[in-house]
Amino acid sequence: MARKMIAALQVSLDGFTQGSDQGGTEWVESWADALALIPDVDAFVQGSHMYPGYGIYWEAIYNEPNRVAPFQDRVPNEREIEYAKFAVKTPHYVVSNTLESVSWPPTARIVGKLEELRSLKGQPGKNIYVVGGPTLVTSLLNEGLLDELTLIVHPLLLGGGKALFAGVDQRRSLQFVSATPAASGRLIVTYRV
């Protein structure tokens, strides 16, 4: 059985991953929430626009879990500390034609072509967690590489910004898997692609 590539992303009710200021993600309660929604993960896939912020954030939590994390105004919670401990030892595949290196996690490697991810899916292993961002998710959808999509939908209207599905090249019908209410009025929705 082939591995599944599963994206799990935080999104506003009107379909944006960032506000119109392109930095407005203060409405996300924890970046670690998505990983807990995907069972049996042994690899992460990310787009290049997540760097260097992803590395700075999670490395700081891994190295100093009792200090206020970068881009936050609080110390990390237990889920975030566990995420950092898991992420540091899990292979990360960063899709990029522009990055020359990625410093954290030490297991990260740069992948220049989506075909390399198709090859990864064909290898023995567990689920592959697509961390983001939205441009990568769209590319994976367009290439037929994404198997499932889990959205943590926040009860928030941003009115503009970075749309999750901008650039999808054709109409797609998704198969409903589940919908679960969560804390703070969020809804977790999963579809099979």
C-alpha atoms as a PDB file:
ATOM      1  CA  MET A   1       0.000   0.000   0.000  1.00  0.00           C
ATOM      2  CA  ALA A   2       1.345   3.419  -0.968  1.00  0.00           C
ATOM      3  CA  ARG A   3       1.981   6.082   1.609  1.00  0.00           C
ATOM      4  CA  LYS A   4      -0.574   8.865   1.948  1.00  0.00           C
ATOM      5  CA  MET A   5       0.331  12.514   1.587  1.00  0.00           C
ATOM      6  CA  ILE A   6      -1.933  14.495   3.917  1.00  0.00           C
ATOM      7  CA  ALA A   7      -2.105  18.279   4.222  1.00  0.00           C
ATOM      8  CA  ALA A   8      -3.394  19.823   7.436  1.00  0.00           C
ATOM      9  CA  LEU A   9      -3.724  23.587   7.473  1.00  0.00           C
ATOM     10  CA  GLN A  10      -5.199  26.403   9.549  1.00  0.00           C
ATOM     11  CA  VAL A  11      -7.642  28.487   7.527  1.00  0.00           C
ATOM     12  CA  SER A  12     -10.163  31.268   8.100  1.00  0.00           C
ATOM     13  CA  LEU A  13     -13.831  30.598   7.373  1.00  0.00           C
ATOM     14  CA  ASP A  14     -13.487  32.564   4.122  1.00  0.00           C
ATOM     15  CA  GLY A  15     -10.573  30.407   2.926  1.00  0.00           C
ATOM     16  CA  PHE A  16      -7.446  32.411   3.726  1.00  0.00           C
ATOM     17  CA  THR A  17      -4.293  31.203   5.450  1.00  0.00           C
ATOM     18  CA  GLN A  18      -3.028  34.744   6.059  1.00  0.00           C
ATOM     19  CA  GLY A  19      -4.671  38.124   6.270  1.00  0.00           C
ATOM     20  CA  SER A  20      -4.275  40.883   3.716  1.00  0.00           C
ATOM     21  CA  ASP A  21      -1.185  42.096   5.561  1.00  0.00           C
ATOM     22  CA  GLN A  22       0.367  38.686   4.660  1.00  0.00           C
ATOM     23  CA  GLY A  23       1.728  38.339   8.163  1.00  0.00           C
ATOM     24  CA  GLY A  24      -1.544  38.200  10.028  1.00  0.00           C
ATOM     25  CA  THR A  25      -1.595  34.732  11.549  1.00  0.00           C
ATOM     26  CA  GLU A  26      -2.023  35.825  15.154  1.00  0.00           C
ATOM     27  CA  TRP A  27      -5.435  34.118  15.109  1.00  0.00           C
ATOM     28  CA  VAL A  28      -3.776  30.679  15.008  1.00  0.00           C
ATOM     29  CA  GLU A  29      -3.737  29.325  18.563  1.00  0.00           C
ATOM     30  CA  SER A  30      -1.034  26.703  18.028  1.00  0.00           C
ATOM     31  CA  TRP A  31       0.946  25.600  14.984  1.00  0.00           C
ATOM     32  CA  ALA A  32       1.251  22.148  16.555  1.00  0.00           C
ATOM     33  CA  ASP A  33      -2.481  21.406  16.303  1.00  0.00           C
ATOM     34  CA  ALA A  34      -2.382  20.062  12.749  1.00  0.00           C
ATOM     35  CA  LEU A  35       0.166  17.297  13.363  1.00  0.00           C
ATOM     36  CA  ALA A  36      -2.039  15.704  16.012  1.00  0.00           C
ATOM     37  CA  LEU A  37      -4.734  15.228  13.351  1.00  0.00           C
ATOM     38  CA  ILE A  38      -2.612  12.976  11.145  1.00  0.00           C
ATOM     39  CA  PRO A  39      -1.852   9.444  12.337  1.00  0.00           C
ATOM     40  CA  ASP A  40       1.475   7.666  11.854  1.00  0.00           C
ATOM     41  CA  VAL A  41       3.661  10.383  10.308  1.00  0.00           C
ATOM     42  CA  ASP A  42       7.285   9.703   9.378  1.00  0.00           C
ATOM     43  CA  ALA A  43       8.035  12.577   6.960  1.00  0.00           C
ATOM     44  CA  PHE A  44       7.162  16.258   6.554  1.00  0.00           C
ATOM     45  CA  VAL A  45       6.841  18.182   3.273  1.00  0.00           C
ATOM     46  CA  GLN A  46       6.953  21.970   3.136  1.00  0.00           C
ATOM     47  CA  GLY A  47       7.156  24.824   0.703  1.00  0.00           C
ATOM     48  CA  SER A  48      10.140  27.139   0.657  1.00  0.00           C
ATOM     49  CA  HIS A  49       8.146  30.186   1.815  1.00  0.00           C
ATOM     50  CA  MET A  50       7.886  28.597   5.244  1.00  0.00           C
ATOM     51  CA  TYR A  51      11.600  29.247   5.729  1.00  0.00           C
ATOM     52  CA  PRO A  52      13.389  30.648   7.604  1.00  0.00           C
ATOM     53  CA  GLY A  53      10.424  31.226   9.989  1.00  0.00           C
ATOM     54  CA  TYR A  54       9.598  27.538  10.488  1.00  0.00           C
ATOM     55  CA  GLY A  55      13.166  26.707  11.465  1.00  0.00           C
ATOM     56  CA  ILE A  56      13.584  29.724  13.747  1.00  0.00           C
ATOM     57  CA  TYR A  57      10.315  29.023  15.560  1.00  0.00           C
ATOM     58  CA  TRP A  58      10.635  25.275  16.132  1.00  0.00           C
ATOM     59  CA  GLU A  59      14.366  25.287  16.834  1.00  0.00           C
ATOM     60  CA  ALA A  60      13.830  27.883  19.568  1.00  0.00           C
ATOM     61  CA  ILE A  61      11.093  25.762  21.136  1.00  0.00           C
ATOM     62  CA  TYR A  62      13.257  22.644  20.895  1.00  0.00           C
ATOM     63  CA  ASN A  63      16.317  24.332  22.421  1.00  0.00           C
ATOM     64  CA  GLU A  64      14.573  26.455  25.057  1.00  0.00           C
ATOM     65  CA  PRO A  65      11.064  25.126  25.736  1.00  0.00           C
ATOM     66  CA  ASN A  66      10.564  27.304  28.822  1.00  0.00           C
ATOM     67  CA  ARG A  67      11.193  30.633  27.056  1.00  0.00           C
ATOM     68  CA  VAL A  68       8.803  32.769  25.039  1.00  0.00           C
ATOM     69  CA  ALA A  69       8.892  31.461  21.463  1.00  0.00           C
ATOM     70  CA  PRO A  70       9.711  33.706  18.488  1.00  0.00           C
ATOM     71  CA  PHE A  71       6.615  35.237  16.867  1.00  0.00           C
ATOM     72  CA  GLN A  72       4.641  34.546  20.084  1.00  0.00           C
ATOM     73  CA  ASP A  73       3.972  36.344  23.347  1.00  0.00           C
ATOM     74  CA  ARG A  74       3.884  33.210  25.494  1.00  0.00           C
ATOM     75  CA  VAL A  75       5.918  30.143  26.361  1.00  0.00           C
ATOM     76  CA  PRO A  76       5.226  27.051  24.255  1.00  0.00           C
ATOM     77  CA  ASN A  77       2.543  24.638  25.391  1.00  0.00           C
ATOM     78  CA  GLU A  78       3.139  20.898  25.796  1.00  0.00           C
ATOM     79  CA  ARG A  79       1.859  20.076  22.265  1.00  0.00           C
ATOM     80  CA  GLU A  80       4.309  22.553  20.764  1.00  0.00           C
ATOM     81  CA  ILE A  81       7.222  21.134  22.744  1.00  0.00           C
ATOM     82  CA  GLU A  82       6.282  17.602  21.627  1.00  0.00           C
ATOM     83  CA  TYR A  83       6.004  18.812  18.017  1.00  0.00           C
ATOM     84  CA  ALA A  84       9.515  20.295  18.174  1.00  0.00           C
ATOM     85  CA  LYS A  85      10.921  17.064  19.644  1.00  0.00           C
ATOM     86  CA  PHE A  86       9.258  15.028  16.903  1.00  0.00           C
ATOM     87  CA  ALA A  87      10.174  17.453  14.116  1.00  0.00           C
ATOM     88  CA  VAL A  88      13.884  17.538  14.970  1.00  0.00           C
ATOM     89  CA  LYS A  89      14.248  13.810  14.244  1.00  0.00           C
ATOM     90  CA  THR A  90      11.753  13.476  11.363  1.00  0.00           C
ATOM     91  CA  PRO A  91      12.855  13.886   7.722  1.00  0.00           C
ATOM     92  CA  HIS A  92      11.686  17.165   6.169  1.00  0.00           C
ATOM     93  CA  TYR A  93      11.462  17.617   2.401  1.00  0.00           C
ATOM     94  CA  VAL A  94      11.464  21.298   1.476  1.00  0.00           C
ATOM     95  CA  VAL A  95      10.248  21.965  -2.070  1.00  0.00           C
ATOM     96  CA  SER A  96      12.302  24.797  -3.524  1.00  0.00           C
ATOM     97  CA  ASN A  97      14.221  25.956  -6.560  1.00  0.00           C
ATOM     98  CA  THR A  98      15.575  29.012  -4.743  1.00  0.00           C
ATOM     99  CA  LEU A  99      16.778  27.927  -1.292  1.00  0.00           C
ATOM    100  CA  GLU A 100      20.390  26.797  -1.075  1.00  0.00           C
ATOM    101  CA  SER A 101      20.119  25.304   2.398  1.00  0.00           C
ATOM    102  CA  VAL A 102      17.816  24.789   5.354  1.00  0.00           C
ATOM    103  CA  SER A 103      19.435  24.861   8.785  1.00  0.00           C
ATOM    104  CA  TRP A 104      16.653  23.342  10.902  1.00  0.00           C
ATOM    105  CA  PRO A 105      15.738  20.635  11.402  1.00  0.00           C
ATOM    106  CA  PRO A 106      18.995  18.812  10.728  1.00  0.00           C
ATOM    107  CA  THR A 107      16.992  16.129   8.900  1.00  0.00           C
ATOM    108  CA  ALA A 108      15.784  18.613   6.241  1.00  0.00           C
ATOM    109  CA  ARG A 109      16.722  18.353   2.603  1.00  0.00           C
ATOM    110  CA  ILE A 110      15.750  20.453  -0.372  1.00  0.00           C
ATOM    111  CA  VAL A 111      13.717  18.845  -3.137  1.00  0.00           C
ATOM    112  CA  GLY A 112      13.781  20.638  -6.487  1.00  0.00           C
ATOM    113  CA  LYS A 113      11.012  18.768  -8.283  1.00  0.00           C
ATOM    114  CA  LEU A 114       7.634  17.395  -7.290  1.00  0.00           C
ATOM    115  CA  GLU A 115       8.565  14.118  -9.014  1.00  0.00           C
ATOM    116  CA  GLU A 116      10.895  13.464  -6.076  1.00  0.00           C
ATOM    117  CA  LEU A 117       7.837  13.554  -3.809  1.00  0.00           C
ATOM    118  CA  ARG A 118       6.041  11.081  -6.074  1.00  0.00           C
ATOM    119  CA  SER A 119       9.029   8.783  -5.604  1.00  0.00           C
ATOM    120  CA  LEU A 120       8.893   9.329  -1.816  1.00  0.00           C
ATOM    121  CA  LYS A 121       5.217   8.311  -1.777  1.00  0.00           C
ATOM    122  CA  GLY A 122       6.147   5.063  -3.512  1.00  0.00           C
ATOM    123  CA  GLN A 123       8.686   4.100  -0.854  1.00  0.00           C
ATOM    124  CA  PRO A 124       7.748   2.025   2.199  1.00  0.00           C
ATOM    125  CA  GLY A 125       6.790   4.153   5.175  1.00  0.00           C
ATOM    126  CA  LYS A 126       4.037   5.904   7.064  1.00  0.00           C
ATOM    127  CA  ASN A 127       1.980   8.996   6.256  1.00  0.00           C
ATOM    128  CA  ILE A 128       3.619  12.143   4.916  1.00  0.00           C
ATOM    129  CA  TYR A 129       2.490  15.377   6.593  1.00  0.00           C
ATOM    130  CA  VAL A 130       2.239  18.364   4.252  1.00  0.00           C
ATOM    131  CA  VAL A 131       2.857  21.264   6.619  1.00  0.00           C
ATOM    132  CA  GLY A 132       2.181  23.956   4.011  1.00  0.00           C
ATOM    133  CA  GLY A 133       2.059  26.486   2.637  1.00  0.00           C
ATOM    134  CA  PRO A 134      -0.891  27.083   0.391  1.00  0.00           C
ATOM    135  CA  THR A 135       1.151  27.372  -2.818  1.00  0.00           C
ATOM    136  CA  LEU A 136       2.648  23.936  -2.211  1.00  0.00           C
ATOM    137  CA  VAL A 137      -0.752  22.425  -1.372  1.00  0.00           C
ATOM    138  CA  THR A 138      -2.134  23.776  -4.657  1.00  0.00           C
ATOM    139  CA  SER A 139       0.829  22.349  -6.581  1.00  0.00           C
ATOM    140  CA  LEU A 140       0.379  18.942  -4.943  1.00  0.00           C
ATOM    141  CA  LEU A 141      -3.337  18.992  -5.797  1.00  0.00           C
ATOM    142  CA  ASN A 142      -2.589  19.929  -9.400  1.00  0.00           C
ATOM    143  CA  GLU A 143      -0.044  17.086  -9.698  1.00  0.00           C
ATOM    144  CA  GLY A 144      -2.355  14.499  -8.139  1.00  0.00           C
ATOM    145  CA  LEU A 145      -0.005  13.924  -5.191  1.00  0.00           C
ATOM    146  CA  LEU A 146      -2.274  14.929  -2.312  1.00  0.00           C
ATOM    147  CA  ASP A 147      -4.425  12.148  -0.814  1.00  0.00           C
ATOM    148  CA  GLU A 148      -6.197  13.921   2.045  1.00  0.00           C
ATOM    149  CA  LEU A 149      -6.849  17.465   3.150  1.00  0.00           C
ATOM    150  CA  THR A 150      -7.606  18.410   6.748  1.00  0.00           C
ATOM    151  CA  LEU A 151      -8.595  21.978   7.480  1.00  0.00           C
ATOM    152  CA  ILE A 152      -8.720  23.594  10.892  1.00  0.00           C
ATOM    153  CA  VAL A 153     -11.374  26.191  10.076  1.00  0.00           C
ATOM    154  CA  HIS A 154     -11.364  29.222  12.368  1.00  0.00           C
ATOM    155  CA  PRO A 155     -14.566  31.229  12.980  1.00  0.00           C
ATOM    156  CA  LEU A 156     -12.969  34.310  11.485  1.00  0.00           C
ATOM    157  CA  LEU A 157     -13.472  36.285   8.272  1.00  0.00           C
ATOM    158  CA  LEU A 158     -10.274  37.891   7.005  1.00  0.00           C
ATOM    159  CA  GLY A 159     -11.834  39.424   3.889  1.00  0.00           C
ATOM    160  CA  GLY A 160      -8.695  38.954   1.826  1.00  0.00           C
ATOM    161  CA  GLY A 161      -5.108  37.787   1.897  1.00  0.00           C
ATOM    162  CA  LYS A 162      -3.405  34.527   0.948  1.00  0.00           C
ATOM    163  CA  ALA A 163      -6.138  32.226  -0.392  1.00  0.00           C
ATOM    164  CA  LEU A 164      -5.622  28.542   0.311  1.00  0.00           C
ATOM    165  CA  PHE A 165      -6.726  27.301  -3.102  1.00  0.00           C
ATOM    166  CA  ALA A 166      -5.570  30.074  -5.435  1.00  0.00           C
ATOM    167  CA  GLY A 167      -4.107  28.449  -8.531  1.00  0.00           C
ATOM    168  CA  VAL A 168      -6.017  25.145  -8.518  1.00  0.00           C
ATOM    169  CA  ASP A 169      -6.013  24.238 -12.198  1.00  0.00           C
ATOM    170  CA  GLN A 170      -9.318  22.392 -12.457  1.00  0.00           C
ATOM    171  CA  ARG A 171     -12.538  21.699 -10.646  1.00  0.00           C
ATOM    172  CA  ARG A 172     -12.178  18.885  -8.110  1.00  0.00           C
ATOM    173  CA  SER A 173     -14.768  16.929  -6.188  1.00  0.00           C
ATOM    174  CA  LEU A 174     -13.588  15.865  -2.758  1.00  0.00           C
ATOM    175  CA  GLN A 175     -14.928  12.975  -0.676  1.00  0.00           C
ATOM    176  CA  PHE A 176     -16.096  13.967   2.799  1.00  0.00           C
ATOM    177  CA  VAL A 177     -14.396  12.012   5.595  1.00  0.00           C
ATOM    178  CA  SER A 178     -15.277  13.818   8.810  1.00  0.00           C
ATOM    179  CA  ALA A 179     -16.118  17.073  10.575  1.00  0.00           C
ATOM    180  CA  THR A 180     -15.419  17.599  14.264  1.00  0.00           C
ATOM    181  CA  PRO A 181     -16.092  20.684  16.387  1.00  0.00           C
ATOM    182  CA  ALA A 182     -13.044  21.881  18.323  1.00  0.00           C
ATOM    183  CA  ALA A 183     -12.125  24.470  20.935  1.00  0.00           C
ATOM    184  CA  SER A 184     -12.730  28.181  20.339  1.00  0.00           C
ATOM    185  CA  GLY A 185     -15.448  27.506  17.766  1.00  0.00           C
ATOM    186  CA  ARG A 186     -13.075  25.897  15.281  1.00  0.00           C
ATOM    187  CA  LEU A 187     -14.196  23.080  12.995  1.00  0.00           C
ATOM    188  CA  ILE A 188     -11.854  20.329  11.823  1.00  0.00           C
ATOM    189  CA  VAL A 189     -12.893  19.069   8.394  1.00  0.00           C
ATOM    190  CA  THR A 190     -11.226  16.231   6.482  1.00  0.00           C
ATOM    191  CA  TYR A 191     -11.679  15.329   2.808  1.00  0.00           C
ATOM    192  CA  ARG A 192     -10.194  12.601   0.659  1.00  0.00           C
ATOM    193  CA  VAL A 193      -8.879  14.006  -2.620  1.00  0.00           C
END
